[in-house]
């Protein structure tokens, strides 16, 4: 016979061992300071192309819709 635990392991002690087993948090999003659209933190804004208050990439202007 192998070793057997003398007492029941408490839920708190069991869960402390398994603290790395958890569900993923929802992805974080923040508001762009220039265009106020939602974007991922520490990333260039895909809408206006700015990062940290300055323009990093120049985006093409959206084409105007032609009326028929």
PDB file of N, CA and C in Angstrom:
ATOM      1  N   UNK A   1       0.822  -1.186   0.000  1.00  0.00           N
ATOM      2  CA  UNK A   1       0.000   0.000   0.000  1.00  0.00           C
ATOM      3  C   UNK A   1       0.866   1.250   0.000  1.00  0.00           C
ATOM      4  N   UNK A   2       0.384   2.219  -0.735  1.00  0.00           N
ATOM      5  CA  UNK A   2       1.114   3.477  -0.786  1.00  0.00           C
ATOM      6  C   UNK A   2       0.731   4.400   0.357  1.00  0.00           C
ATOM      7  N   UNK A   3       1.284   5.573   0.336  1.00  0.00           N
ATOM      8  CA  UNK A   3       0.980   6.558   1.373  1.00  0.00           C
ATOM      9  C   UNK A   3      -0.417   7.122   1.132  1.00  0.00           C
ATOM     10  N   UNK A   4      -1.146   7.317   2.210  1.00  0.00           N
ATOM     11  CA  UNK A   4      -2.486   7.876   2.128  1.00  0.00           C
ATOM     12  C   UNK A   4      -2.535   9.153   2.965  1.00  0.00           C
ATOM     13  N   UNK A   5      -3.312  10.142   2.523  1.00  0.00           N
ATOM     14  CA  UNK A   5      -3.416  11.354   3.323  1.00  0.00           C
ATOM     15  C   UNK A   5      -4.153  11.087   4.625  1.00  0.00           C
ATOM     16  N   UNK A   6      -3.677  11.709   5.675  1.00  0.00           N
ATOM     17  CA  UNK A   6      -4.295  11.513   6.981  1.00  0.00           C
ATOM     18  C   UNK A   6      -5.564  12.353   7.115  1.00  0.00           C
ATOM     19  N   UNK A   7      -5.575  13.513   6.426  1.00  0.00           N
ATOM     20  CA  UNK A   7      -6.742  14.385   6.497  1.00  0.00           C
ATOM     21  C   UNK A   7      -7.154  14.801   5.085  1.00  0.00           C
ATOM     22  N   UNK A   8      -8.401  15.256   4.977  1.00  0.00           N
ATOM     23  CA  UNK A   8      -8.924  15.724   3.702  1.00  0.00           C
ATOM     24  C   UNK A   8      -8.260  17.055   3.348  1.00  0.00           C
ATOM     25  N   UNK A   9      -7.871  17.221   2.090  1.00  0.00           N
ATOM     26  CA  UNK A   9      -7.296  18.478   1.632  1.00  0.00           C
ATOM     27  C   UNK A   9      -8.416  19.507   1.486  1.00  0.00           C
ATOM     28  N   UNK A  10      -8.260  20.639   2.125  1.00  0.00           N
ATOM     29  CA  UNK A  10      -9.283  21.682   2.072  1.00  0.00           C
ATOM     30  C   UNK A  10      -9.360  22.276   0.664  1.00  0.00           C
ATOM     31  N   UNK A  11     -10.533  22.803   0.313  1.00  0.00           N
ATOM     32  CA  UNK A  11     -10.729  23.399  -1.016  1.00  0.00           C
ATOM     33  C   UNK A  11      -9.785  24.574  -1.237  1.00  0.00           C
ATOM     34  N   UNK A  12      -9.566  25.375  -0.200  1.00  0.00           N
ATOM     35  CA  UNK A  12      -8.691  26.546  -0.326  1.00  0.00           C
ATOM     36  C   UNK A  12      -7.262  26.108  -0.632  1.00  0.00           C
ATOM     37  N   UNK A  13      -6.781  25.096   0.062  1.00  0.00           N
ATOM     38  CA  UNK A  13      -5.418  24.608  -0.171  1.00  0.00           C
ATOM     39  C   UNK A  13      -5.285  23.985  -1.560  1.00  0.00           C
ATOM     40  N   UNK A  14      -6.308  23.247  -1.974  1.00  0.00           N
ATOM     41  CA  UNK A  14      -6.300  22.624  -3.297  1.00  0.00           C
ATOM     42  C   UNK A  14      -6.295  23.692  -4.389  1.00  0.00           C
ATOM     43  N   UNK A  15      -7.125  24.736  -4.207  1.00  0.00           N
ATOM     44  CA  UNK A  15      -7.224  25.779  -5.217  1.00  0.00           C
ATOM     45  C   UNK A  15      -5.990  26.677  -5.246  1.00  0.00           C
ATOM     46  N   UNK A  16      -5.260  26.797  -4.139  1.00  0.00           N
ATOM     47  CA  UNK A  16      -4.015  27.563  -4.153  1.00  0.00           C
ATOM     48  C   UNK A  16      -2.970  26.875  -5.023  1.00  0.00           C
ATOM     49  N   UNK A  17      -2.963  25.562  -4.997  1.00  0.00           N
ATOM     50  CA  UNK A  17      -2.033  24.817  -5.851  1.00  0.00           C
ATOM     51  C   UNK A  17      -2.392  24.976  -7.314  1.00  0.00           C
ATOM     52  N   UNK A  18      -3.670  25.148  -7.582  1.00  0.00           N
ATOM     53  CA  UNK A  18      -4.146  25.213  -8.967  1.00  0.00           C
ATOM     54  C   UNK A  18      -4.428  26.644  -9.399  1.00  0.00           C
ATOM     55  N   UNK A  19      -3.695  27.592  -8.886  1.00  0.00           N
ATOM     56  CA  UNK A  19      -3.967  28.996  -9.189  1.00  0.00           C
ATOM     57  C   UNK A  19      -3.655  29.342 -10.642  1.00  0.00           C
ATOM     58  N   UNK A  20      -2.823  28.536 -11.306  1.00  0.00           N
ATOM     59  CA  UNK A  20      -2.506  28.807 -12.709  1.00  0.00           C
ATOM     60  C   UNK A  20      -3.579  28.264 -13.640  1.00  0.00           C
ATOM     61  N   UNK A  21      -4.504  27.481 -13.147  1.00  0.00           N
ATOM     62  CA  UNK A  21      -5.588  26.936 -13.960  1.00  0.00           C
ATOM     63  C   UNK A  21      -6.787  27.851 -13.790  1.00  0.00           C
ATOM     64  N   UNK A  22      -7.010  28.694 -14.749  1.00  0.00           N
ATOM     65  CA  UNK A  22      -8.113  29.639 -14.659  1.00  0.00           C
ATOM     66  C   UNK A  22      -8.564  30.012 -16.059  1.00  0.00           C
ATOM     67  N   UNK A  23      -9.709  30.655 -16.162  1.00  0.00           N
ATOM     68  CA  UNK A  23     -10.208  31.088 -17.449  1.00  0.00           C
ATOM     69  C   UNK A  23      -9.506  32.375 -17.861  1.00  0.00           C
ATOM     70  N   UNK A  24      -9.415  32.588 -19.128  1.00  0.00           N
ATOM     71  CA  UNK A  24      -8.784  33.788 -19.651  1.00  0.00           C
ATOM     72  C   UNK A  24      -9.711  34.980 -19.464  1.00  0.00           C
ATOM     73  N   UNK A  25      -9.134  36.110 -19.152  1.00  0.00           N
ATOM     74  CA  UNK A  25      -9.905  37.340 -19.030  1.00  0.00           C
ATOM     75  C   UNK A  25     -10.298  37.827 -20.416  1.00  0.00           C
ATOM     76  N   UNK A  26     -11.320  38.633 -20.476  1.00  0.00           N
ATOM     77  CA  UNK A  26     -11.718  39.204 -21.754  1.00  0.00           C
ATOM     78  C   UNK A  26     -10.615  40.137 -22.244  1.00  0.00           C
ATOM     79  N   UNK A  27     -10.415  40.223 -23.532  1.00  0.00           N
ATOM     80  CA  UNK A  27      -9.353  41.087 -24.028  1.00  0.00           C
ATOM     81  C   UNK A  27      -9.581  42.541 -23.638  1.00  0.00           C
ATOM     82  N   UNK A  28      -8.519  43.196 -23.216  1.00  0.00           N
ATOM     83  CA  UNK A  28      -8.624  44.580 -22.763  1.00  0.00           C
ATOM     84  C   UNK A  28      -8.750  45.513 -23.962  1.00  0.00           C
ATOM     85  N   UNK A  29      -9.604  46.478 -23.850  1.00  0.00           N
ATOM     86  CA  UNK A  29      -9.748  47.517 -24.868  1.00  0.00           C
ATOM     87  C   UNK A  29      -9.791  48.860 -24.165  1.00  0.00           C
ATOM     88  N   UNK A  30      -9.205  49.853 -24.801  1.00  0.00           N
ATOM     89  CA  UNK A  30      -9.220  51.204 -24.262  1.00  0.00           C
ATOM     90  C   UNK A  30      -9.696  52.152 -25.353  1.00  0.00           C
ATOM     91  N   UNK A  31      -9.970  53.369 -24.965  1.00  0.00           N
ATOM     92  CA  UNK A  31     -10.437  54.367 -25.922  1.00  0.00           C
ATOM     93  C   UNK A  31      -9.249  55.129 -26.478  1.00  0.00           C
ATOM     94  N   UNK A  32      -9.215  55.311 -27.780  1.00  0.00           N
ATOM     95  CA  UNK A  32      -8.160  56.086 -28.430  1.00  0.00           C
ATOM     96  C   UNK A  32      -8.297  57.547 -28.019  1.00  0.00           C
ATOM     97  N   UNK A  33      -7.178  58.180 -27.698  1.00  0.00           N
ATOM     98  CA  UNK A  33      -7.232  59.568 -27.247  1.00  0.00           C
ATOM     99  C   UNK A  33      -7.510  60.544 -28.392  1.00  0.00           C
ATOM    100  N   UNK A  34      -7.272  60.131 -29.625  1.00  0.00           N
ATOM    101  CA  UNK A  34      -7.484  61.033 -30.771  1.00  0.00           C
ATOM    102  C   UNK A  34      -8.894  60.912 -31.350  1.00  0.00           C
ATOM    103  N   UNK A  35      -9.277  59.684 -31.732  1.00  0.00           N
ATOM    104  CA  UNK A  35     -10.562  59.508 -32.424  1.00  0.00           C
ATOM    105  C   UNK A  35     -11.635  58.885 -31.536  1.00  0.00           C
ATOM    106  N   UNK A  36     -11.281  58.499 -30.311  1.00  0.00           N
ATOM    107  CA  UNK A  36     -12.206  57.951 -29.321  1.00  0.00           C
ATOM    108  C   UNK A  36     -12.856  56.644 -29.747  1.00  0.00           C
ATOM    109  N   UNK A  37     -12.208  55.894 -30.641  1.00  0.00           N
ATOM    110  CA  UNK A  37     -12.696  54.560 -30.963  1.00  0.00           C
ATOM    111  C   UNK A  37     -11.980  53.560 -30.060  1.00  0.00           C
ATOM    112  N   UNK A  38     -12.534  52.370 -29.917  1.00  0.00           N
ATOM    113  CA  UNK A  38     -11.958  51.364 -29.043  1.00  0.00           C
ATOM    114  C   UNK A  38     -10.796  50.666 -29.751  1.00  0.00           C
ATOM    115  N   UNK A  39      -9.694  50.440 -29.006  1.00  0.00           N
ATOM    116  CA  UNK A  39      -8.521  49.796 -29.563  1.00  0.00           C
ATOM    117  C   UNK A  39      -7.831  49.000 -28.469  1.00  0.00           C
ATOM    118  N   UNK A  40      -6.916  48.111 -28.866  1.00  0.00           N
ATOM    119  CA  UNK A  40      -6.143  47.336 -27.907  1.00  0.00           C
ATOM    120  C   UNK A  40      -5.087  48.234 -27.274  1.00  0.00           C
ATOM    121  N   UNK A  41      -4.776  48.027 -25.993  1.00  0.00           N
ATOM    122  CA  UNK A  41      -3.769  48.883 -25.358  1.00  0.00           C
ATOM    123  C   UNK A  41      -2.379  48.619 -25.915  1.00  0.00           C
ATOM    124  N   UNK A  42      -1.549  49.632 -25.954  1.00  0.00           N
ATOM    125  CA  UNK A  42      -0.170  49.573 -26.443  1.00  0.00           C
ATOM    126  C   UNK A  42      -0.094  49.169 -27.913  1.00  0.00           C
ATOM    127  N   UNK A  43      -1.088  49.535 -28.684  1.00  0.00           N
ATOM    128  CA  UNK A  43      -1.131  49.236 -30.111  1.00  0.00           C
ATOM    129  C   UNK A  43      -1.479  50.521 -30.864  1.00  0.00           C
ATOM    130  N   UNK A  44      -1.089  50.569 -32.119  1.00  0.00           N
ATOM    131  CA  UNK A  44      -1.475  51.691 -32.970  1.00  0.00           C
ATOM    132  C   UNK A  44      -2.967  51.600 -33.229  1.00  0.00           C
ATOM    133  N   UNK A  45      -3.652  52.724 -33.187  1.00  0.00           N
ATOM    134  CA  UNK A  45      -5.092  52.749 -33.433  1.00  0.00           C
ATOM    135  C   UNK A  45      -5.353  52.393 -34.889  1.00  0.00           C
ATOM    136  N   UNK A  46      -6.175  51.376 -35.157  1.00  0.00           N
ATOM    137  CA  UNK A  46      -6.431  51.012 -36.553  1.00  0.00           C
ATOM    138  C   UNK A  46      -7.303  52.012 -37.286  1.00  0.00           C
ATOM    139  N   UNK A  47      -8.013  52.865 -36.557  1.00  0.00           N
ATOM    140  CA  UNK A  47      -8.909  53.833 -37.197  1.00  0.00           C
ATOM    141  C   UNK A  47      -8.168  55.078 -37.657  1.00  0.00           C
ATOM    142  N   UNK A  48      -7.359  55.664 -36.758  1.00  0.00           N
ATOM    143  CA  UNK A  48      -6.705  56.927 -37.115  1.00  0.00           C
ATOM    144  C   UNK A  48      -5.186  56.797 -37.260  1.00  0.00           C
ATOM    145  N   UNK A  49      -4.582  55.688 -36.874  1.00  0.00           N
ATOM    146  CA  UNK A  49      -3.150  55.474 -37.071  1.00  0.00           C
ATOM    147  C   UNK A  49      -2.253  56.208 -36.098  1.00  0.00           C
ATOM    148  N   UNK A  50      -2.760  56.553 -34.912  1.00  0.00           N
ATOM    149  CA  UNK A  50      -1.944  57.265 -33.934  1.00  0.00           C
ATOM    150  C   UNK A  50      -1.548  56.342 -32.792  1.00  0.00           C
ATOM    151  N   UNK A  51      -0.446  56.684 -32.146  1.00  0.00           N
ATOM    152  CA  UNK A  51       0.008  55.971 -30.956  1.00  0.00           C
ATOM    153  C   UNK A  51       0.655  56.983 -30.027  1.00  0.00           C
ATOM    154  N   UNK A  52       0.228  57.003 -28.806  1.00  0.00           N
ATOM    155  CA  UNK A  52       0.783  57.882 -27.786  1.00  0.00           C
ATOM    156  C   UNK A  52       0.705  59.361 -28.190  1.00  0.00           C
ATOM    157  N   UNK A  53      -0.399  59.729 -28.835  1.00  0.00           N
ATOM    158  CA  UNK A  53      -0.641  61.124 -29.167  1.00  0.00           C
ATOM    159  C   UNK A  53       0.006  61.623 -30.446  1.00  0.00           C
ATOM    160  N   UNK A  54       0.690  60.758 -31.184  1.00  0.00           N
ATOM    161  CA  UNK A  54       1.293  61.207 -32.451  1.00  0.00           C
ATOM    162  C   UNK A  54       0.954  60.222 -33.560  1.00  0.00           C
ATOM    163  N   UNK A  55       0.947  60.730 -34.799  1.00  0.00           N
ATOM    164  CA  UNK A  55       0.607  59.893 -35.942  1.00  0.00           C
ATOM    165  C   UNK A  55       1.794  59.010 -36.292  1.00  0.00           C
ATOM    166  N   UNK A  56       1.569  57.709 -36.281  1.00  0.00           N
ATOM    167  CA  UNK A  56       2.635  56.755 -36.544  1.00  0.00           C
ATOM    168  C   UNK A  56       2.558  56.238 -37.972  1.00  0.00           C
ATOM    169  N   UNK A  57       1.358  55.905 -38.414  1.00  0.00           N
ATOM    170  CA  UNK A  57       1.182  55.444 -39.787  1.00  0.00           C
ATOM    171  C   UNK A  57       0.132  56.326 -40.454  1.00  0.00           C
ATOM    172  N   UNK A  58       0.377  56.629 -41.710  1.00  0.00           N
ATOM    173  CA  UNK A  58      -0.574  57.440 -42.459  1.00  0.00           C
ATOM    174  C   UNK A  58      -1.588  56.504 -43.103  1.00  0.00           C
ATOM    175  N   UNK A  59      -2.849  56.672 -42.762  1.00  0.00           N
ATOM    176  CA  UNK A  59      -3.900  55.847 -43.326  1.00  0.00           C
ATOM    177  C   UNK A  59      -4.519  56.558 -44.510  1.00  0.00           C
ATOM    178  N   UNK A  60      -4.946  55.777 -45.487  1.00  0.00           N
ATOM    179  CA  UNK A  60      -5.620  56.348 -46.642  1.00  0.00           C
ATOM    180  C   UNK A  60      -6.992  56.819 -46.221  1.00  0.00           C
ATOM    181  N   UNK A  61      -7.401  57.934 -46.782  1.00  0.00           N
ATOM    182  CA  UNK A  61      -8.724  58.460 -46.480  1.00  0.00           C
ATOM    183  C   UNK A  61      -9.763  57.540 -47.105  1.00  0.00           C
ATOM    184  N   UNK A  62     -10.881  57.339 -46.428  1.00  0.00           N
ATOM    185  CA  UNK A  62     -11.923  56.506 -47.024  1.00  0.00           C
ATOM    186  C   UNK A  62     -12.507  57.185 -48.253  1.00  0.00           C
ATOM    187  N   UNK A  63     -12.800  56.378 -49.254  1.00  0.00           N
ATOM    188  CA  UNK A  63     -13.350  56.921 -50.504  1.00  0.00           C
ATOM    189  C   UNK A  63     -14.757  57.448 -50.272  1.00  0.00           C
ATOM    190  N   UNK A  64     -15.060  58.579 -50.880  1.00  0.00           N
ATOM    191  CA  UNK A  64     -16.396  59.145 -50.779  1.00  0.00           C
ATOM    192  C   UNK A  64     -17.353  58.315 -51.626  1.00  0.00           C
ATOM    193  N   UNK A  65     -18.544  58.100 -51.101  1.00  0.00           N
ATOM    194  CA  UNK A  65     -19.522  57.313 -51.831  1.00  0.00           C
ATOM    195  C   UNK A  65     -20.065  58.148 -52.985  1.00  0.00           C
ATOM    196  N   UNK A  66     -20.053  57.571 -54.179  1.00  0.00           N
ATOM    197  CA  UNK A  66     -20.570  58.289 -55.340  1.00  0.00           C
ATOM    198  C   UNK A  66     -22.066  58.030 -55.426  1.00  0.00           C
ATOM    199  N   UNK A  67     -22.810  59.094 -55.658  1.00  0.00           N
ATOM    200  CA  UNK A  67     -24.260  58.975 -55.744  1.00  0.00           C
ATOM    201  C   UNK A  67     -24.653  58.764 -57.198  1.00  0.00           C
ATOM    202  N   UNK A  68     -25.532  57.788 -57.432  1.00  0.00           N
ATOM    203  CA  UNK A  68     -25.986  57.482 -58.802  1.00  0.00           C
ATOM    204  C   UNK A  68     -27.393  57.912 -58.985  1.00  0.00           C
TER     205      UNK A  68
END
